[in-house]
Amino acid sequence: MLDKDPTTYSMLTYMWVFLLAIAGGFVAFIRRLNQTPCPLPLHIVFTRLLGELLISGFAGVVTFYLCEYWGFDQLLTAVMVAISGHLGGGAIDRISKIWDAAVDKTS
């Protein structure tokens, strides 16, 4: 039985996790935007930015939960959350592979 419950973490913890993750996503977005050969309309840029930040935040929170489950040090967890935010959907794909391996192992 797990001794950790998602409702026991403070709002400050969740705020830090989410901010680290979306900061990573924002950096990735800016890097991709700078590599775009032609400028995009502003409404498209902001729509893509919002999507990127939501995906990055989700990836960061899921990564936080995994790191807590595995007992990682807080500093390493923060780094993993930021990197997951930077990877965005790529982090979710990698986490899905971990999930698939765990499910296959129990079958």
PDB file of N, CA and C in Angstrom:
ATOM      1  N   MET A   1       0.840  -1.183   0.000  1.00  0.00           N
ATOM      2  CA  MET A   1       0.000   0.000   0.000  1.00  0.00           C
ATOM      3  C   MET A   1       0.879   1.238   0.000  1.00  0.00           C
ATOM      4  N   LEU A   2       0.559   2.187  -0.830  1.00  0.00           N
ATOM      5  CA  LEU A   2       1.332   3.423  -0.898  1.00  0.00           C
ATOM      6  C   LEU A   2       1.012   4.317   0.285  1.00  0.00           C
ATOM      7  N   ASP A   3       2.043   4.951   0.817  1.00  0.00           N
ATOM      8  CA  ASP A   3       1.812   5.866   1.928  1.00  0.00           C
ATOM      9  C   ASP A   3       1.658   7.308   1.449  1.00  0.00           C
ATOM     10  N   LYS A   4       1.656   7.512   0.141  1.00  0.00           N
ATOM     11  CA  LYS A   4       1.525   8.857  -0.411  1.00  0.00           C
ATOM     12  C   LYS A   4       0.187   8.986  -1.125  1.00  0.00           C
ATOM     13  N   ASP A   5      -0.403  10.141  -0.982  1.00  0.00           N
ATOM     14  CA  ASP A   5      -1.712  10.417  -1.558  1.00  0.00           C
ATOM     15  C   ASP A   5      -1.598  11.760  -2.284  1.00  0.00           C
ATOM     16  N   PRO A   6      -2.062  11.865  -3.529  1.00  0.00           N
ATOM     17  CA  PRO A   6      -1.948  13.143  -4.255  1.00  0.00           C
ATOM     18  C   PRO A   6      -2.566  14.325  -3.525  1.00  0.00           C
ATOM     19  N   THR A   7      -3.520  14.063  -2.644  1.00  0.00           N
ATOM     20  CA  THR A   7      -4.161  15.176  -1.928  1.00  0.00           C
ATOM     21  C   THR A   7      -3.346  15.676  -0.742  1.00  0.00           C
ATOM     22  N   THR A   8      -2.257  14.965  -0.393  1.00  0.00           N
ATOM     23  CA  THR A   8      -1.464  15.383   0.760  1.00  0.00           C
ATOM     24  C   THR A   8      -0.363  16.382   0.404  1.00  0.00           C
ATOM     25  N   TYR A   9      -0.106  16.586  -0.878  1.00  0.00           N
ATOM     26  CA  TYR A   9       0.908  17.570  -1.281  1.00  0.00           C
ATOM     27  C   TYR A   9       0.301  18.963  -1.217  1.00  0.00           C
ATOM     28  N   SER A  10       1.104  19.923  -0.833  1.00  0.00           N
ATOM     29  CA  SER A  10       0.605  21.297  -0.700  1.00  0.00           C
ATOM     30  C   SER A  10       0.394  21.932  -2.071  1.00  0.00           C
ATOM     31  N   MET A  11      -0.408  22.980  -2.078  1.00  0.00           N
ATOM     32  CA  MET A  11      -0.608  23.739  -3.318  1.00  0.00           C
ATOM     33  C   MET A  11       0.708  24.356  -3.775  1.00  0.00           C
ATOM     34  N   LEU A  12       1.571  24.715  -2.843  1.00  0.00           N
ATOM     35  CA  LEU A  12       2.886  25.267  -3.192  1.00  0.00           C
ATOM     36  C   LEU A  12       3.715  24.238  -3.958  1.00  0.00           C
ATOM     37  N   THR A  13       3.657  22.995  -3.528  1.00  0.00           N
ATOM     38  CA  THR A  13       4.373  21.933  -4.245  1.00  0.00           C
ATOM     39  C   THR A  13       3.845  21.796  -5.664  1.00  0.00           C
ATOM     40  N   TYR A  14       2.527  21.734  -5.791  1.00  0.00           N
ATOM     41  CA  TYR A  14       1.942  21.617  -7.128  1.00  0.00           C
ATOM     42  C   TYR A  14       2.259  22.841  -7.993  1.00  0.00           C
ATOM     43  N   MET A  15       2.278  24.003  -7.373  1.00  0.00           N
ATOM     44  CA  MET A  15       2.604  25.218  -8.124  1.00  0.00           C
ATOM     45  C   MET A  15       4.034  25.142  -8.661  1.00  0.00           C
ATOM     46  N   TRP A  16       4.978  24.726  -7.812  1.00  0.00           N
ATOM     47  CA  TRP A  16       6.362  24.593  -8.265  1.00  0.00           C
ATOM     48  C   TRP A  16       6.490  23.556  -9.375  1.00  0.00           C
ATOM     49  N   VAL A  17       5.846  22.424  -9.203  1.00  0.00           N
ATOM     50  CA  VAL A  17       5.906  21.368 -10.217  1.00  0.00           C
ATOM     51  C   VAL A  17       5.364  21.896 -11.544  1.00  0.00           C
ATOM     52  N   PHE A  18       4.191  22.517 -11.497  1.00  0.00           N
ATOM     53  CA  PHE A  18       3.573  23.017 -12.721  1.00  0.00           C
ATOM     54  C   PHE A  18       4.419  24.118 -13.358  1.00  0.00           C
ATOM     55  N   LEU A  19       4.943  25.041 -12.542  1.00  0.00           N
ATOM     56  CA  LEU A  19       5.778  26.123 -13.092  1.00  0.00           C
ATOM     57  C   LEU A  19       7.067  25.602 -13.709  1.00  0.00           C
ATOM     58  N   LEU A  20       7.709  24.643 -13.063  1.00  0.00           N
ATOM     59  CA  LEU A  20       8.920  24.054 -13.647  1.00  0.00           C
ATOM     60  C   LEU A  20       8.608  23.381 -14.980  1.00  0.00           C
ATOM     61  N   ALA A  21       7.512  22.639 -15.010  1.00  0.00           N
ATOM     62  CA  ALA A  21       7.139  21.923 -16.235  1.00  0.00           C
ATOM     63  C   ALA A  21       6.798  22.891 -17.360  1.00  0.00           C
ATOM     64  N   ILE A  22       6.004  23.920 -17.069  1.00  0.00           N
ATOM     65  CA  ILE A  22       5.647  24.837 -18.160  1.00  0.00           C
ATOM     66  C   ILE A  22       6.832  25.712 -18.559  1.00  0.00           C
ATOM     67  N   ALA A  23       7.771  25.952 -17.636  1.00  0.00           N
ATOM     68  CA  ALA A  23       8.990  26.676 -18.026  1.00  0.00           C
ATOM     69  C   ALA A  23       9.776  25.843 -19.037  1.00  0.00           C
ATOM     70  N   GLY A  24       9.875  24.541 -18.791  1.00  0.00           N
ATOM     71  CA  GLY A  24      10.534  23.655 -19.757  1.00  0.00           C
ATOM     72  C   GLY A  24       9.812  23.654 -21.095  1.00  0.00           C
ATOM     73  N   GLY A  25       8.484  23.628 -21.052  1.00  0.00           N
ATOM     74  CA  GLY A  25       7.699  23.666 -22.283  1.00  0.00           C
ATOM     75  C   GLY A  25       7.842  24.982 -23.013  1.00  0.00           C
ATOM     76  N   PHE A  26       7.924  26.069 -22.266  1.00  0.00           N
ATOM     77  CA  PHE A  26       8.089  27.393 -22.874  1.00  0.00           C
ATOM     78  C   PHE A  26       9.433  27.491 -23.591  1.00  0.00           C
ATOM     79  N   VAL A  27      10.483  26.972 -22.963  1.00  0.00           N
ATOM     80  CA  VAL A  27      11.808  26.975 -23.595  1.00  0.00           C
ATOM     81  C   VAL A  27      11.779  26.167 -24.892  1.00  0.00           C
ATOM     82  N   ALA A  28      11.152  24.997 -24.855  1.00  0.00           N
ATOM     83  CA  ALA A  28      11.061  24.173 -26.069  1.00  0.00           C
ATOM     84  C   ALA A  28      10.284  24.906 -27.156  1.00  0.00           C
ATOM     85  N   PHE A  29       9.197  25.565 -26.762  1.00  0.00           N
ATOM     86  CA  PHE A  29       8.373  26.296 -27.727  1.00  0.00           C
ATOM     87  C   PHE A  29       9.165  27.429 -28.378  1.00  0.00           C
ATOM     88  N   ILE A  30       9.884  28.199 -27.584  1.00  0.00           N
ATOM     89  CA  ILE A  30      10.691  29.308 -28.115  1.00  0.00           C
ATOM     90  C   ILE A  30      11.768  28.787 -29.064  1.00  0.00           C
ATOM     91  N   ARG A  31      12.395  27.689 -28.694  1.00  0.00           N
ATOM     92  CA  ARG A  31      13.430  27.113 -29.581  1.00  0.00           C
ATOM     93  C   ARG A  31      12.828  26.709 -30.922  1.00  0.00           C
ATOM     94  N   ARG A  32      11.657  26.050 -30.888  1.00  0.00           N
ATOM     95  CA  ARG A  32      11.014  25.650 -32.151  1.00  0.00           C
ATOM     96  C   ARG A  32      10.542  26.866 -32.937  1.00  0.00           C
ATOM     97  N   LEU A  33      10.026  27.861 -32.232  1.00  0.00           N
ATOM     98  CA  LEU A  33       9.546  29.078 -32.898  1.00  0.00           C
ATOM     99  C   LEU A  33      10.694  29.787 -33.615  1.00  0.00           C
ATOM    100  N   ASN A  34      11.851  29.811 -32.985  1.00  0.00           N
ATOM    101  CA  ASN A  34      13.026  30.454 -33.604  1.00  0.00           C
ATOM    102  C   ASN A  34      13.536  29.689 -34.824  1.00  0.00           C
ATOM    103  N   GLN A  35      13.206  28.416 -34.931  1.00  0.00           N
ATOM    104  CA  GLN A  35      13.633  27.619 -36.084  1.00  0.00           C
ATOM    105  C   GLN A  35      12.627  27.648 -37.230  1.00  0.00           C
ATOM    106  N   THR A  36      11.482  28.286 -37.004  1.00  0.00           N
ATOM    107  CA  THR A  36      10.456  28.372 -38.042  1.00  0.00           C
ATOM    108  C   THR A  36      10.938  29.280 -39.162  1.00  0.00           C
ATOM    109  N   PRO A  37      10.934  28.793 -40.413  1.00  0.00           N
ATOM    110  CA  PRO A  37      11.467  29.592 -41.514  1.00  0.00           C
ATOM    111  C   PRO A  37      10.649  30.846 -41.841  1.00  0.00           C
ATOM    112  N   CYS A  38       9.338  30.768 -41.692  1.00  0.00           N
ATOM    113  CA  CYS A  38       8.520  31.948 -41.976  1.00  0.00           C
ATOM    114  C   CYS A  38       7.638  32.253 -40.770  1.00  0.00           C
ATOM    115  N   PRO A  39       7.395  33.536 -40.514  1.00  0.00           N
ATOM    116  CA  PRO A  39       6.582  33.904 -39.346  1.00  0.00           C
ATOM    117  C   PRO A  39       5.142  33.393 -39.451  1.00  0.00           C
ATOM    118  N   LEU A  40       4.617  32.987 -38.309  1.00  0.00           N
ATOM    119  CA  LEU A  40       3.235  32.507 -38.254  1.00  0.00           C
ATOM    120  C   LEU A  40       2.335  33.623 -37.744  1.00  0.00           C
ATOM    121  N   PRO A  41       1.057  33.569 -38.090  1.00  0.00           N
ATOM    122  CA  PRO A  41       0.121  34.554 -37.532  1.00  0.00           C
ATOM    123  C   PRO A  41       0.098  34.453 -36.005  1.00  0.00           C
ATOM    124  N   LEU A  42      -0.084  35.581 -35.360  1.00  0.00           N
ATOM    125  CA  LEU A  42      -0.009  35.654 -33.910  1.00  0.00           C
ATOM    126  C   LEU A  42      -1.026  34.755 -33.213  1.00  0.00           C
ATOM    127  N   HIS A  43      -2.241  34.655 -33.755  1.00  0.00           N
ATOM    128  CA  HIS A  43      -3.242  33.805 -33.103  1.00  0.00           C
ATOM    129  C   HIS A  43      -2.838  32.336 -33.133  1.00  0.00           C
ATOM    130  N   ILE A  44      -2.150  31.912 -34.177  1.00  0.00           N
ATOM    131  CA  ILE A  44      -1.669  30.532 -34.261  1.00  0.00           C
ATOM    132  C   ILE A  44      -0.537  30.316 -33.266  1.00  0.00           C
ATOM    133  N   VAL A  45       0.354  31.283 -33.151  1.00  0.00           N
ATOM    134  CA  VAL A  45       1.456  31.177 -32.194  1.00  0.00           C
ATOM    135  C   VAL A  45       0.919  31.027 -30.775  1.00  0.00           C
ATOM    136  N   PHE A  46      -0.046  31.866 -30.393  1.00  0.00           N
ATOM    137  CA  PHE A  46      -0.577  31.794 -29.041  1.00  0.00           C
ATOM    138  C   PHE A  46      -1.377  30.518 -28.802  1.00  0.00           C
ATOM    139  N   THR A  47      -2.089  30.033 -29.797  1.00  0.00           N
ATOM    140  CA  THR A  47      -2.830  28.779 -29.655  1.00  0.00           C
ATOM    141  C   THR A  47      -1.866  27.621 -29.447  1.00  0.00           C
ATOM    142  N   ARG A  48      -0.803  27.585 -30.238  1.00  0.00           N
ATOM    143  CA  ARG A  48       0.198  26.525 -30.087  1.00  0.00           C
ATOM    144  C   ARG A  48       0.914  26.634 -28.744  1.00  0.00           C
ATOM    145  N   LEU A  49       1.203  27.853 -28.315  1.00  0.00           N
ATOM    146  CA  LEU A  49       1.854  28.054 -27.021  1.00  0.00           C
ATOM    147  C   LEU A  49       0.972  27.523 -25.894  1.00  0.00           C
ATOM    148  N   LEU A  50      -0.301  27.849 -25.923  1.00  0.00           N
ATOM    149  CA  LEU A  50      -1.207  27.368 -24.886  1.00  0.00           C
ATOM    150  C   LEU A  50      -1.249  25.840 -24.858  1.00  0.00           C
ATOM    151  N   GLY A  51      -1.349  25.231 -26.027  1.00  0.00           N
ATOM    152  CA  GLY A  51      -1.350  23.768 -26.107  1.00  0.00           C
ATOM    153  C   GLY A  51      -0.060  23.177 -25.568  1.00  0.00           C
ATOM    154  N   GLU A  52       1.059  23.770 -25.934  1.00  0.00           N
ATOM    155  CA  GLU A  52       2.363  23.298 -25.461  1.00  0.00           C
ATOM    156  C   GLU A  52       2.462  23.383 -23.947  1.00  0.00           C
ATOM    157  N   LEU A  53       1.999  24.492 -23.377  1.00  0.00           N
ATOM    158  CA  LEU A  53       2.096  24.668 -21.928  1.00  0.00           C
ATOM    159  C   LEU A  53       1.191  23.678 -21.182  1.00  0.00           C
ATOM    160  N   LEU A  54       0.013  23.402 -21.707  1.00  0.00           N
ATOM    161  CA  LEU A  54      -0.882  22.431 -21.066  1.00  0.00           C
ATOM    162  C   LEU A  54      -0.291  21.019 -21.113  1.00  0.00           C
ATOM    163  N   ILE A  55       0.233  20.654 -22.259  1.00  0.00           N
ATOM    164  CA  ILE A  55       0.854  19.329 -22.394  1.00  0.00           C
ATOM    165  C   ILE A  55       2.067  19.229 -21.478  1.00  0.00           C
ATOM    166  N   SER A  56       2.872  20.279 -21.422  1.00  0.00           N
ATOM    167  CA  SER A  56       4.062  20.274 -20.571  1.00  0.00           C
ATOM    168  C   SER A  56       3.695  20.184 -19.099  1.00  0.00           C
ATOM    169  N   GLY A  57       2.664  20.904 -18.695  1.00  0.00           N
ATOM    170  CA  GLY A  57       2.218  20.842 -17.308  1.00  0.00           C
ATOM    171  C   GLY A  57       1.749  19.450 -16.929  1.00  0.00           C
ATOM    172  N   PHE A  58       0.981  18.833 -17.811  1.00  0.00           N
ATOM    173  CA  PHE A  58       0.507  17.469 -17.567  1.00  0.00           C
ATOM    174  C   PHE A  58       1.676  16.499 -17.459  1.00  0.00           C
ATOM    175  N   ALA A  59       2.612  16.585 -18.399  1.00  0.00           N
ATOM    176  CA  ALA A  59       3.787  15.705 -18.376  1.00  0.00           C
ATOM    177  C   ALA A  59       4.591  15.908 -17.088  1.00  0.00           C
ATOM    178  N   GLY A  60       4.699  17.145 -16.640  1.00  0.00           N
ATOM    179  CA  GLY A  60       5.451  17.427 -15.419  1.00  0.00           C
ATOM    180  C   GLY A  60       4.788  16.839 -14.187  1.00  0.00           C
ATOM    181  N   VAL A  61       3.472  16.953 -14.086  1.00  0.00           N
ATOM    182  CA  VAL A  61       2.764  16.405 -12.924  1.00  0.00           C
ATOM    183  C   VAL A  61       2.858  14.875 -12.906  1.00  0.00           C
ATOM    184  N   VAL A  62       2.699  14.246 -14.053  1.00  0.00           N
ATOM    185  CA  VAL A  62       2.820  12.786 -14.119  1.00  0.00           C
ATOM    186  C   VAL A  62       4.243  12.368 -13.742  1.00  0.00           C
ATOM    187  N   THR A  63       5.230  13.089 -14.229  1.00  0.00           N
ATOM    188  CA  THR A  63       6.621  12.794 -13.885  1.00  0.00           C
ATOM    189  C   THR A  63       6.863  12.969 -12.392  1.00  0.00           C
ATOM    190  N   PHE A  64       6.286  14.015 -11.817  1.00  0.00           N
ATOM    191  CA  PHE A  64       6.395  14.235 -10.373  1.00  0.00           C
ATOM    192  C   PHE A  64       5.860  13.026  -9.607  1.00  0.00           C
ATOM    193  N   TYR A  65       4.704  12.537  -9.994  1.00  0.00           N
ATOM    194  CA  TYR A  65       4.125  11.381  -9.315  1.00  0.00           C
ATOM    195  C   TYR A  65       5.020  10.149  -9.448  1.00  0.00           C
ATOM    196  N   LEU A  66       5.566   9.930 -10.642  1.00  0.00           N
ATOM    197  CA  LEU A  66       6.467   8.787 -10.823  1.00  0.00           C
ATOM    198  C   LEU A  66       7.715   8.921  -9.966  1.00  0.00           C
ATOM    199  N   CYS A  67       8.297  10.101  -9.945  1.00  0.00           N
ATOM    200  CA  CYS A  67       9.501  10.322  -9.146  1.00  0.00           C
ATOM    201  C   CYS A  67       9.214  10.118  -7.656  1.00  0.00           C
ATOM    202  N   GLU A  68       8.060  10.568  -7.200  1.00  0.00           N
ATOM    203  CA  GLU A  68       7.675  10.357  -5.798  1.00  0.00           C
ATOM    204  C   GLU A  68       7.492   8.865  -5.520  1.00  0.00           C
ATOM    205  N   TYR A  69       6.848   8.176  -6.441  1.00  0.00           N
ATOM    206  CA  TYR A  69       6.622   6.740  -6.269  1.00  0.00           C
ATOM    207  C   TYR A  69       7.946   5.984  -6.193  1.00  0.00           C
ATOM    208  N   TRP A  70       8.903   6.373  -7.041  1.00  0.00           N
ATOM    209  CA  TRP A  70      10.199   5.713  -7.075  1.00  0.00           C
ATOM    210  C   TRP A  70      11.153   6.206  -5.986  1.00  0.00           C
ATOM    211  N   GLY A  71      10.748   7.222  -5.236  1.00  0.00           N
ATOM    212  CA  GLY A  71      11.563   7.706  -4.121  1.00  0.00           C
ATOM    213  C   GLY A  71      12.764   8.547  -4.526  1.00  0.00           C
ATOM    214  N   PHE A  72      12.665   9.255  -5.636  1.00  0.00           N
ATOM    215  CA  PHE A  72      13.775  10.105  -6.070  1.00  0.00           C
ATOM    216  C   PHE A  72      13.957  11.276  -5.108  1.00  0.00           C
ATOM    217  N   ASP A  73      15.186  11.755  -5.035  1.00  0.00           N
ATOM    218  CA  ASP A  73      15.511  12.957  -4.277  1.00  0.00           C
ATOM    219  C   ASP A  73      14.750  14.150  -4.859  1.00  0.00           C
ATOM    220  N   GLN A  74      14.419  15.121  -4.015  1.00  0.00           N
ATOM    221  CA  GLN A  74      13.624  16.271  -4.469  1.00  0.00           C
ATOM    222  C   GLN A  74      14.317  17.052  -5.581  1.00  0.00           C
ATOM    223  N   LEU A  75      15.628  17.226  -5.484  1.00  0.00           N
ATOM    224  CA  LEU A  75      16.335  17.979  -6.519  1.00  0.00           C
ATOM    225  C   LEU A  75      16.304  17.237  -7.856  1.00  0.00           C
ATOM    226  N   LEU A  76      16.508  15.930  -7.819  1.00  0.00           N
ATOM    227  CA  LEU A  76      16.440  15.137  -9.049  1.00  0.00           C
ATOM    228  C   LEU A  76      15.013  15.157  -9.610  1.00  0.00           C
ATOM    229  N   THR A  77      14.036  15.108  -8.736  1.00  0.00           N
ATOM    230  CA  THR A  77      12.642  15.192  -9.175  1.00  0.00           C
ATOM    231  C   THR A  77      12.386  16.509  -9.898  1.00  0.00           C
ATOM    232  N   ALA A  78      12.897  17.605  -9.348  1.00  0.00           N
ATOM    233  CA  ALA A  78      12.712  18.913  -9.991  1.00  0.00           C
ATOM    234  C   ALA A  78      13.333  18.925 -11.381  1.00  0.00           C
ATOM    235  N   VAL A  79      14.513  18.347 -11.514  1.00  0.00           N
ATOM    236  CA  VAL A  79      15.176  18.289 -12.825  1.00  0.00           C
ATOM    237  C   VAL A  79      14.349  17.446 -13.795  1.00  0.00           C
ATOM    238  N   MET A  80      13.869  16.303 -13.324  1.00  0.00           N
ATOM    239  CA  MET A  80      13.082  15.417 -14.188  1.00  0.00           C
ATOM    240  C   MET A  80      11.779  16.095 -14.620  1.00  0.00           C
ATOM    241  N   VAL A  81      11.159  16.848 -13.724  1.00  0.00           N
ATOM    242  CA  VAL A  81       9.921  17.565 -14.054  1.00  0.00           C
ATOM    243  C   VAL A  81      10.187  18.610 -15.129  1.00  0.00           C
ATOM    244  N   ALA A  82      11.273  19.371 -14.970  1.00  0.00           N
ATOM    245  CA  ALA A  82      11.607  20.403 -15.958  1.00  0.00           C
ATOM    246  C   ALA A  82      11.915  19.783 -17.321  1.00  0.00           C
ATOM    247  N   ILE A  83      12.649  18.691 -17.323  1.00  0.00           N
ATOM    248  CA  ILE A  83      12.979  18.026 -18.590  1.00  0.00           C
ATOM    249  C   ILE A  83      11.716  17.449 -19.228  1.00  0.00           C
ATOM    250  N   SER A  84      10.844  16.869 -18.420  1.00  0.00           N
ATOM    251  CA  SER A  84       9.580  16.345 -18.955  1.00  0.00           C
ATOM    252  C   SER A  84       8.743  17.460 -19.561  1.00  0.00           C
ATOM    253  N   GLY A  85       8.726  18.610 -18.901  1.00  0.00           N
ATOM    254  CA  GLY A  85       8.018  19.758 -19.458  1.00  0.00           C
ATOM    255  C   GLY A  85       8.601  20.168 -20.793  1.00  0.00           C
ATOM    256  N   HIS A  86       9.923  20.130 -20.886  1.00  0.00           N
ATOM    257  CA  HIS A  86      10.600  20.482 -22.137  1.00  0.00           C
ATOM    258  C   HIS A  86      10.250  19.477 -23.240  1.00  0.00           C
ATOM    259  N   LEU A  87      10.188  18.199 -22.875  1.00  0.00           N
ATOM    260  CA  LEU A  87       9.853  17.162 -23.854  1.00  0.00           C
ATOM    261  C   LEU A  87       8.370  17.170 -24.219  1.00  0.00           C
ATOM    262  N   GLY A  88       7.520  17.621 -23.293  1.00  0.00           N
ATOM    263  CA  GLY A  88       6.090  17.698 -23.565  1.00  0.00           C
ATOM    264  C   GLY A  88       5.502  16.351 -23.931  1.00  0.00           C
ATOM    265  N   GLY A  89       4.934  16.274 -25.120  1.00  0.00           N
ATOM    266  CA  GLY A  89       4.325  15.033 -25.597  1.00  0.00           C
ATOM    267  C   GLY A  89       5.317  13.891 -25.691  1.00  0.00           C
ATOM    268  N   GLY A  90       6.575  14.210 -25.935  1.00  0.00           N
ATOM    269  CA  GLY A  90       7.610  13.173 -25.982  1.00  0.00           C
ATOM    270  C   GLY A  90       7.773  12.482 -24.633  1.00  0.00           C
ATOM    271  N   ALA A  91       7.641  13.252 -23.552  1.00  0.00           N
ATOM    272  CA  ALA A  91       7.712  12.662 -22.214  1.00  0.00           C
ATOM    273  C   ALA A  91       6.527  11.738 -21.979  1.00  0.00           C
ATOM    274  N   ILE A  92       5.358  12.157 -22.430  1.00  0.00           N
ATOM    275  CA  ILE A  92       4.168  11.317 -22.268  1.00  0.00           C
ATOM    276  C   ILE A  92       4.337  10.014 -23.046  1.00  0.00           C
ATOM    277  N   ASP A  93       4.924  10.090 -24.247  1.00  0.00           N
ATOM    278  CA  ASP A  93       5.195   8.881 -25.028  1.00  0.00           C
ATOM    279  C   ASP A  93       6.144   7.950 -24.284  1.00  0.00           C
ATOM    280  N   ARG A  94       7.178   8.502 -23.676  1.00  0.00           N
ATOM    281  CA  ARG A  94       8.139   7.687 -22.927  1.00  0.00           C
ATOM    282  C   ARG A  94       7.491   7.066 -21.688  1.00  0.00           C
ATOM    283  N   ILE A  95       6.669   7.836 -20.996  1.00  0.00           N
ATOM    284  CA  ILE A  95       5.964   7.312 -19.823  1.00  0.00           C
ATOM    285  C   ILE A  95       5.011   6.206 -20.251  1.00  0.00           C
ATOM    286  N   SER A  96       4.403   6.342 -21.420  1.00  0.00           N
ATOM    287  CA  SER A  96       3.515   5.291 -21.943  1.00  0.00           C
ATOM    288  C   SER A  96       4.279   3.996 -22.172  1.00  0.00           C
ATOM    289  N   LYS A  97       5.520   4.097 -22.623  1.00  0.00           N
ATOM    290  CA  LYS A  97       6.342   2.895 -22.827  1.00  0.00           C
ATOM    291  C   LYS A  97       6.650   2.220 -21.495  1.00  0.00           C
ATOM    292  N   ILE A  98       6.907   3.019 -20.451  1.00  0.00           N
ATOM    293  CA  ILE A  98       7.129   2.457 -19.116  1.00  0.00           C
ATOM    294  C   ILE A  98       5.871   1.728 -18.661  1.00  0.00           C
ATOM    295  N   TRP A  99       4.721   2.354 -18.878  1.00  0.00           N
ATOM    296  CA  TRP A  99       3.442   1.756 -18.508  1.00  0.00           C
ATOM    297  C   TRP A  99       3.232   0.429 -19.251  1.00  0.00           C
ATOM    298  N   ASP A 100       3.485   0.436 -20.566  1.00  0.00           N
ATOM    299  CA  ASP A 100       3.328  -0.780 -21.358  1.00  0.00           C
ATOM    300  C   ASP A 100       4.219  -1.910 -20.836  1.00  0.00           C
ATOM    301  N   ALA A 101       5.459  -1.572 -20.504  1.00  0.00           N
ATOM    302  CA  ALA A 101       6.390  -2.581 -19.983  1.00  0.00           C
ATOM    303  C   ALA A 101       5.911  -3.134 -18.643  1.00  0.00           C
ATOM    304  N   ALA A 102       5.374  -2.262 -17.792  1.00  0.00           N
ATOM    305  CA  ALA A 102       4.882  -2.705 -16.485  1.00  0.00           C
ATOM    306  C   ALA A 102       3.663  -3.595 -16.642  1.00  0.00           C
ATOM    307  N   VAL A 103       2.767  -3.246 -17.559  1.00  0.00           N
ATOM    308  CA  VAL A 103       1.557  -4.038 -17.778  1.00  0.00           C
ATOM    309  C   VAL A 103       1.936  -5.391 -18.388  1.00  0.00           C
ATOM    310  N   ASP A 104       2.855  -5.383 -19.349  1.00  0.00           N
ATOM    311  CA  ASP A 104       3.286  -6.643 -19.973  1.00  0.00           C
ATOM    312  C   ASP A 104       3.954  -7.564 -18.963  1.00  0.00           C
ATOM    313  N   LYS A 105       4.661  -6.968 -18.004  1.00  0.00           N
ATOM    314  CA  LYS A 105       5.364  -7.746 -16.981  1.00  0.00           C
ATOM    315  C   LYS A 105       4.380  -8.462 -16.057  1.00  0.00           C
ATOM    316  N   THR A 106       3.249  -7.843 -15.794  1.00  0.00           N
ATOM    317  CA  THR A 106       2.263  -8.431 -14.885  1.00  0.00           C
ATOM    318  C   THR A 106       1.322  -9.403 -15.597  1.00  0.00           C
ATOM    319  N   SER A 107       1.332  -9.399 -16.924  1.00  0.00           N
ATOM    320  CA  SER A 107       0.424 -10.290 -17.667  1.00  0.00           C
ATOM    321  C   SER A 107       0.973 -11.679 -17.778  1.00  0.00           C
TER     322      SER A 107
END
